[in-house]
Amino acid sequence: MILDRHKILFLTCFLPSALAGVTVYNPSVDPSPTYTAGGPEWTGVRSQDPLRLNPPAPPAEHNALVPVQLFDGGMDGLSQPTKGDFLGFSIELSVFEQLFGKNTTHLRPELLNYLAALQERGGGITIRVGGNTQDRARIVESTAHGGMIEKFKDATLGPTATPETHYTPLLIRVMAQVATMLNVNYFFGVPFLATNADGNAGIVVQQAQEILGDRLLALQLANEPDLYGHHKKKQEGYNQQNFFDDTASMIQSLPLTRNNMMGPSVCCFWDTNEVLNLGYFDRFAPQLKYLNAMHYPDNNCDGSRVPQEEYPKYLTHQSATEFVQPYIAVAARAVAVGKPFVLLETNTAS
């Protein structure tokens, strides 16, 4: 999906922002030292590339002083209040075990220490578990090797080569166990492609609600549905109306105990505001707890971008304003109806 995903903060009306990570198969460890741009080309796993980019010189017109005018009695045009856990993480479902640990008694201390440090500064942590692998994921009683996750590669899954992922309820219990130790709250992805025709999504929803309880912020139905046709997850020409009908079918069949859905989770070919205006918001407003979007300012799926050349583009105010421009109307709408607007995935490029 993207390069190594890290957090980007940009609009205070986008409440908890979450980022996802790529799945790396058969990772190798290389102790090579870091090198700067212009040095030898890295030939190992891209996620372990030790390249350090050379920072550009500050612009000549740079002004370190930013005047801010405050007025007595409050300010107009403010967003909803921003909490300390404004920034969050998105954990790709298929790599959950590598990051969290293998069960409720063997948790990764590195993750726990990191989350504890963030909690001390921000009061809590927001984590999204899902991503590309959520749409075809299956919840099972056990896996062949006894672990919580089992992955099946399939060459017919389109350009992302997304593996079918099976997981046991232990995965959700690990999430809950972490939440007993730290102030962690979750967004959780629900399998969407089968629209619960086999009952699998219903079991996922039931388990997530029962095990996570109040720690479950919302359930994400569909992940980047505007790519379903392009990535061969649904029929060619899959459109907004198909998506609305699938969402309605899901909501009707799922054992939702409260209105805790988030969407529409579009990223690339559909405009979020247009999707809302075409009927998504009016049709599903009672079930929607959060509005959301997935957005990447550039496309590097073919790997053609040169990091050193791209780096300066992300250090300008213009890049930030262009990033949020498509969502100004959506954010205003979210504020007006009192629903948080969440940037669920982002990074420098897809």
Protein backbone atom coordinates (compact mmCIF):
# COMPACT_ATOMS: atom_id res chain seq x y z
CA MET A 1 0.00 0.00 0.00
CA ILE A 2 2.49 2.62 1.09
CA LEU A 3 5.98 3.18 2.30
CA ASP A 4 6.69 3.00 6.01
CA ARG A 5 3.73 4.94 7.41
CA HIS A 6 4.23 7.66 9.97
CA LYS A 7 1.93 10.29 11.40
CA ILE A 8 1.05 13.62 9.85
CA LEU A 9 -0.88 16.27 11.77
CA PHE A 10 -2.73 18.89 9.84
CA LEU A 11 -6.32 19.83 10.83
CA THR A 12 -7.62 20.10 14.36
CA CYS A 13 -11.06 19.04 13.15
CA PHE A 14 -9.54 15.69 12.16
CA LEU A 15 -9.63 14.03 15.55
CA PRO A 16 -7.57 10.87 16.17
CA SER A 17 -5.38 10.44 13.09
CA ALA A 18 -4.21 6.94 12.33
CA LEU A 19 -1.59 5.45 10.05
CA ALA A 20 -1.02 1.94 8.77
CA GLY A 21 2.10 -0.09 8.01
CA VAL A 22 3.08 -2.31 5.12
CA THR A 23 3.31 -6.07 5.40
CA VAL A 24 6.91 -7.24 5.08
CA TYR A 25 7.31 -10.96 4.34
CA ASN A 26 10.46 -12.89 5.31
CA PRO A 27 12.24 -9.84 6.72
CA SER A 28 16.02 -9.92 7.01
CA VAL A 29 18.21 -7.95 9.35
CA ASP A 30 21.23 -6.13 7.97
CA PRO A 31 23.62 -4.31 10.34
CA SER A 32 24.79 -1.92 7.60
CA PRO A 33 25.45 1.63 8.83
CA THR A 34 23.37 4.54 7.58
CA TYR A 35 24.41 6.44 4.47
CA THR A 36 23.35 9.70 2.92
CA ALA A 37 21.81 10.43 -0.46
CA GLY A 38 24.30 9.98 -3.26
CA GLY A 39 25.93 7.00 -1.57
CA PRO A 40 25.76 3.34 -2.61
CA GLU A 41 22.33 2.10 -3.68
CA TRP A 42 20.58 -0.12 -1.15
CA THR A 43 19.85 -3.63 -2.45
CA GLY A 44 18.22 -5.16 0.62
CA VAL A 45 14.65 -5.02 1.95
CA ARG A 46 13.29 -1.55 1.29
CA SER A 47 11.80 -1.21 4.78
CA GLN A 48 15.32 -1.57 6.23
CA ASP A 49 17.03 0.90 3.91
CA PRO A 50 19.37 2.96 6.19
CA LEU A 51 19.40 5.95 3.82
CA ARG A 52 19.51 9.35 5.54
CA LEU A 53 18.27 12.20 3.37
CA ASN A 54 20.13 15.49 3.15
CA PRO A 55 17.92 18.30 4.48
CA PRO A 56 17.48 21.24 2.09
CA ALA A 57 18.59 24.72 3.06
CA PRO A 58 15.86 26.87 4.68
CA PRO A 59 14.04 29.07 2.15
CA ALA A 60 15.40 32.60 1.79
CA GLU A 61 12.03 34.12 2.70
CA HIS A 62 11.69 31.98 5.81
CA ASN A 63 10.27 33.88 8.77
CA ALA A 64 10.54 32.12 12.12
CA LEU A 65 8.06 34.53 13.72
CA VAL A 66 4.39 33.69 13.25
CA PRO A 67 2.00 36.37 14.52
CA VAL A 68 -1.18 35.04 16.16
CA GLN A 69 -4.03 37.41 16.99
CA LEU A 70 -6.25 36.26 19.86
CA PHE A 71 -9.50 37.97 20.79
CA ASP A 72 -11.26 38.28 24.13
CA GLY A 73 -14.47 36.26 24.41
CA GLY A 74 -13.43 33.39 22.12
CA MET A 75 -12.55 32.80 18.49
CA ASP A 76 -14.77 32.07 15.50
CA GLY A 77 -14.32 29.12 13.16
CA LEU A 78 -12.78 26.76 15.68
CA SER A 79 -12.84 23.00 15.30
CA GLN A 80 -14.11 20.49 17.80
CA PRO A 81 -11.83 20.20 20.88
CA THR A 82 -8.63 18.30 20.13
CA LYS A 83 -7.58 15.63 22.60
CA GLY A 84 -4.07 14.61 23.54
CA ASP A 85 -4.41 11.40 21.49
CA PHE A 86 -4.99 13.39 18.31
CA LEU A 87 -2.35 11.32 16.54
CA GLY A 88 -2.60 7.55 16.49
CA PHE A 89 -1.45 4.41 14.72
CA SER A 90 -2.92 2.00 12.23
CA ILE A 91 -1.67 -1.55 12.55
CA GLU A 92 -2.11 -3.76 9.50
CA LEU A 93 -4.10 -6.78 10.68
CA SER A 94 -1.69 -9.29 9.14
CA VAL A 95 1.32 -8.05 11.17
CA PHE A 96 -0.50 -7.60 14.48
CA GLU A 97 1.28 -10.50 16.19
CA GLN A 98 4.76 -9.17 15.34
CA LEU A 99 3.96 -5.86 17.01
CA PHE A 100 1.76 -6.81 19.98
CA GLY A 101 3.03 -10.24 20.97
CA LYS A 102 1.85 -13.82 20.63
CA ASN A 103 -0.74 -13.97 23.44
CA THR A 104 -2.09 -12.11 26.49
CA THR A 105 0.83 -13.12 28.72
CA HIS A 106 3.61 -12.65 26.14
CA LEU A 107 3.22 -9.03 25.04
CA ARG A 108 5.98 -7.05 23.34
CA PRO A 109 7.60 -4.86 26.03
CA GLU A 110 8.95 -2.49 23.34
CA LEU A 111 5.41 -1.66 22.26
CA LEU A 112 4.12 -1.34 25.82
CA ASN A 113 6.95 1.01 26.80
CA TYR A 114 6.43 3.13 23.73
CA LEU A 115 2.68 3.38 24.31
CA ALA A 116 3.28 4.21 27.98
CA ALA A 117 5.55 7.10 26.97
CA LEU A 118 2.90 8.44 24.61
CA GLN A 119 0.20 8.09 27.24
CA GLU A 120 2.28 10.09 29.71
CA ARG A 121 2.40 12.97 27.25
CA GLY A 122 -1.02 12.75 25.60
CA GLY A 123 -3.22 10.98 28.13
CA GLY A 124 -4.05 8.04 25.87
CA ILE A 125 -3.44 6.26 22.58
CA THR A 126 -5.74 5.57 19.62
CA ILE A 127 -4.96 2.48 17.52
CA ARG A 128 -6.65 1.25 14.37
CA VAL A 129 -6.32 -2.46 13.57
CA GLY A 130 -7.22 -3.36 10.00
CA GLY A 131 -6.12 -2.25 6.55
CA ASN A 132 -6.07 -4.10 3.23
CA THR A 133 -6.08 -7.47 4.95
CA GLN A 134 -9.29 -6.79 6.91
CA ASP A 135 -11.60 -7.11 3.91
CA ARG A 136 -11.01 -10.83 3.34
CA ALA A 137 -10.02 -11.73 6.90
CA ARG A 138 -11.70 -14.65 8.64
CA ILE A 139 -12.06 -15.25 12.35
CA VAL A 140 -11.42 -18.91 13.20
CA GLU A 141 -11.28 -21.05 16.31
CA SER A 142 -7.66 -22.04 15.73
CA THR A 143 -4.87 -21.95 13.16
CA ALA A 144 -2.80 -24.81 11.79
CA HIS A 145 0.34 -23.76 13.68
CA GLY A 146 -1.43 -22.74 16.90
CA GLY A 147 -0.74 -19.01 16.61
CA MET A 148 -3.28 -16.22 16.52
CA ILE A 149 -2.72 -15.37 12.81
CA GLU A 150 -2.31 -17.44 9.67
CA LYS A 151 -1.77 -15.92 6.21
CA PHE A 152 -2.43 -17.38 2.78
CA LYS A 153 -0.79 -15.81 -0.27
CA ASP A 154 -2.88 -15.78 -3.43
CA ALA A 155 -1.62 -14.57 -6.80
CA THR A 156 -5.14 -13.59 -7.88
CA LEU A 157 -5.61 -10.83 -5.32
CA GLY A 158 -4.73 -7.93 -7.58
CA PRO A 159 -1.79 -5.50 -7.55
CA THR A 160 -1.45 -5.32 -3.77
CA ALA A 161 -0.96 -9.11 -3.43
CA THR A 162 -2.94 -8.92 -0.18
CA PRO A 163 -2.89 -12.25 1.68
CA GLU A 164 -6.07 -13.80 3.02
CA THR A 165 -5.66 -13.56 6.79
CA HIS A 166 -7.21 -15.88 9.36
CA TYR A 167 -7.09 -14.95 13.03
CA THR A 168 -8.47 -16.27 16.29
CA PRO A 169 -10.38 -14.33 19.00
CA LEU A 170 -7.07 -14.27 20.86
CA LEU A 171 -6.06 -11.30 18.70
CA ILE A 172 -8.94 -9.25 20.09
CA ARG A 173 -8.22 -10.45 23.62
CA VAL A 174 -4.63 -9.24 23.26
CA MET A 175 -6.00 -5.82 22.28
CA ALA A 176 -8.21 -5.86 25.37
CA GLN A 177 -5.33 -6.96 27.60
CA VAL A 178 -3.20 -4.02 26.46
CA ALA A 179 -6.15 -1.73 27.22
CA THR A 180 -6.22 -2.97 30.83
CA MET A 181 -2.63 -1.80 31.23
CA LEU A 182 -2.77 1.46 29.25
CA ASN A 183 -5.38 3.95 28.14
CA VAL A 184 -5.70 2.52 24.62
CA ASN A 185 -8.84 2.73 22.48
CA TYR A 186 -9.38 1.04 19.15
CA PHE A 187 -10.88 1.28 15.69
CA PHE A 188 -11.34 -2.25 14.30
CA GLY A 189 -11.80 -3.35 10.68
CA VAL A 190 -14.67 -5.65 9.69
CA PRO A 191 -14.43 -8.06 6.69
CA PHE A 192 -16.49 -6.47 3.92
CA LEU A 193 -16.04 -8.32 0.64
CA ALA A 194 -18.50 -11.13 1.44
CA THR A 195 -20.98 -8.64 3.03
CA ASN A 196 -21.54 -11.19 5.83
CA ALA A 197 -23.12 -13.68 3.43
CA ASP A 198 -21.22 -16.42 5.25
CA GLY A 199 -21.75 -14.98 8.74
CA ASN A 200 -18.04 -14.36 9.25
CA ALA A 201 -18.31 -10.57 9.59
CA GLY A 202 -21.09 -10.98 12.13
CA ILE A 203 -18.85 -13.12 14.35
CA VAL A 204 -16.07 -10.52 14.07
CA VAL A 205 -18.44 -7.74 15.14
CA GLN A 206 -19.83 -9.80 18.02
CA GLN A 207 -16.37 -10.71 19.32
CA ALA A 208 -15.01 -7.17 18.97
CA GLN A 209 -17.96 -5.65 20.83
CA GLU A 210 -18.00 -8.23 23.61
CA ILE A 211 -14.26 -8.41 24.22
CA LEU A 212 -13.28 -4.75 23.74
CA GLY A 213 -16.40 -3.19 25.26
CA ASP A 214 -16.01 0.55 25.74
CA ARG A 215 -12.46 0.37 24.38
CA LEU A 216 -13.95 -0.11 20.92
CA LEU A 217 -14.33 3.35 19.40
CA ALA A 218 -15.86 2.23 16.12
CA LEU A 219 -16.04 -0.53 13.53
CA GLN A 220 -14.73 0.23 10.05
CA LEU A 221 -16.93 -1.21 7.31
CA ALA A 222 -15.01 -1.34 4.00
CA ASN A 223 -11.43 -0.28 3.40
CA GLU A 224 -10.79 1.92 0.35
CA PRO A 225 -13.94 0.77 -1.50
CA ASP A 226 -13.10 3.03 -4.43
CA LEU A 227 -10.26 0.60 -5.22
CA TYR A 228 -12.36 -2.58 -5.08
CA GLY A 229 -12.98 -2.69 -8.83
CA HIS A 230 -9.44 -1.63 -9.75
CA HIS A 231 -7.85 -4.17 -7.42
CA LYS A 232 -10.23 -6.99 -8.45
CA LYS A 233 -11.74 -7.33 -5.00
CA LYS A 234 -15.20 -6.66 -6.44
CA GLN A 235 -16.62 -6.63 -9.96
CA GLU A 236 -15.16 -4.26 -12.54
CA GLY A 237 -16.95 -0.92 -12.46
CA TYR A 238 -17.84 -1.19 -8.77
CA ASN A 239 -19.40 2.19 -8.00
CA GLN A 240 -20.80 4.29 -5.16
CA GLN A 241 -24.28 2.81 -5.42
CA ASN A 242 -22.86 -0.72 -5.22
CA PHE A 243 -20.98 0.38 -2.13
CA PHE A 244 -24.09 1.90 -0.53
CA ASP A 245 -26.09 -1.28 -1.17
CA ASP A 246 -23.33 -3.49 0.25
CA THR A 247 -23.07 -1.25 3.33
CA ALA A 248 -26.84 -1.39 3.88
CA SER A 249 -26.79 -5.17 3.58
CA MET A 250 -23.97 -5.37 6.10
CA ILE A 251 -25.64 -3.12 8.65
CA GLN A 252 -28.88 -5.07 8.40
CA SER A 253 -27.17 -8.40 9.05
CA LEU A 254 -24.55 -7.44 11.63
CA PRO A 255 -25.24 -7.76 15.40
CA LEU A 256 -24.44 -4.10 16.12
CA THR A 257 -25.18 -3.34 19.78
CA ARG A 258 -24.79 0.41 19.34
CA ASN A 259 -24.25 2.96 16.60
CA ASN A 260 -20.49 2.70 16.29
CA MET A 261 -19.75 2.54 12.56
CA MET A 262 -17.17 4.65 10.73
CA GLY A 263 -16.91 5.45 7.02
CA PRO A 264 -16.86 5.93 4.09
CA SER A 265 -13.10 5.14 4.13
CA VAL A 266 -12.46 6.16 0.50
CA CYS A 267 -9.00 7.11 -0.65
CA CYS A 268 -8.30 7.61 -4.29
CA PHE A 269 -10.88 7.61 -7.09
CA TRP A 270 -13.97 8.84 -5.23
CA ASP A 271 -14.28 12.22 -3.54
CA THR A 272 -15.31 11.88 0.12
CA ASN A 273 -17.65 14.86 0.05
CA GLU A 274 -19.27 13.58 -3.15
CA VAL A 275 -19.83 10.16 -1.57
CA LEU A 276 -21.55 11.82 1.37
CA ASN A 277 -23.71 13.94 -0.94
CA LEU A 278 -24.71 10.98 -3.12
CA GLY A 279 -26.54 9.49 -0.17
CA TYR A 280 -24.03 7.81 2.11
CA PHE A 281 -24.44 10.31 4.92
CA ASP A 282 -28.24 10.56 4.84
CA ARG A 283 -28.64 6.82 4.51
CA PHE A 284 -26.26 5.79 7.28
CA ALA A 285 -26.09 8.82 9.59
CA PRO A 286 -27.87 7.00 12.46
CA GLN A 287 -25.20 4.28 12.49
CA LEU A 288 -22.21 6.55 11.85
CA LYS A 289 -20.21 7.51 14.93
CA TYR A 290 -17.24 8.83 12.91
CA LEU A 291 -16.66 10.13 9.40
CA ASN A 292 -13.29 9.23 7.94
CA ALA A 293 -10.96 9.36 4.94
CA MET A 294 -7.74 7.78 3.69
CA HIS A 295 -5.42 10.10 1.83
CA TYR A 296 -1.92 10.09 0.34
CA PRO A 297 -0.47 13.21 -1.30
CA ASP A 298 1.50 11.25 -3.89
CA ASN A 299 1.70 7.87 -5.61
CA ASN A 300 4.85 5.77 -5.44
CA CYS A 301 3.35 2.36 -6.14
CA ASP A 302 5.80 1.83 -9.01
CA GLY A 303 8.77 2.86 -6.84
CA SER A 304 9.91 5.50 -9.31
CA ARG A 305 10.14 8.39 -6.87
CA VAL A 306 13.63 9.45 -5.76
CA PRO A 307 13.46 10.15 -1.98
CA GLN A 308 16.03 12.96 -1.98
CA GLU A 309 14.16 14.77 -4.76
CA GLU A 310 10.76 14.33 -3.09
CA TYR A 311 11.87 15.29 0.44
CA PRO A 312 11.76 19.12 0.04
CA LYS A 313 8.19 19.01 -1.30
CA TYR A 314 6.89 18.01 2.12
CA LEU A 315 8.58 20.88 3.97
CA THR A 316 6.42 23.70 2.63
CA HIS A 317 3.25 25.25 3.94
CA GLN A 318 1.73 24.78 0.50
CA SER A 319 2.06 21.01 0.72
CA ALA A 320 0.06 21.03 3.97
CA THR A 321 -2.71 23.26 2.63
CA GLU A 322 -3.00 21.20 -0.57
CA PHE A 323 -3.23 18.04 1.52
CA VAL A 324 -6.28 19.20 3.47
CA GLN A 325 -8.02 21.11 0.67
CA PRO A 326 -10.24 18.16 -0.42
CA TYR A 327 -11.61 17.78 3.11
CA ILE A 328 -12.51 21.30 4.18
CA ALA A 329 -16.19 20.84 3.32
CA VAL A 330 -16.25 17.37 4.87
CA ALA A 331 -14.68 18.64 8.08
CA ALA A 332 -17.16 21.50 8.30
CA ARG A 333 -20.00 19.06 7.83
CA ALA A 334 -18.64 16.77 10.53
CA VAL A 335 -18.36 19.68 12.97
CA ALA A 336 -21.91 20.78 12.17
CA VAL A 337 -23.41 17.38 13.03
CA GLY A 338 -21.07 16.69 15.95
CA LYS A 339 -19.32 13.68 14.44
CA PRO A 340 -15.51 13.44 14.61
CA PHE A 341 -13.70 13.33 11.26
CA VAL A 342 -10.77 10.91 11.31
CA LEU A 343 -7.88 10.60 8.87
CA LEU A 344 -7.51 6.85 9.13
CA GLU A 345 -4.48 6.35 6.87
CA THR A 346 -1.83 8.63 5.40
CA ASN A 347 1.83 8.92 4.57
CA THR A 348 4.12 10.72 2.16
CA ALA A 349 2.96 8.47 -0.71
CA SER A 350 0.91 5.39 -1.48
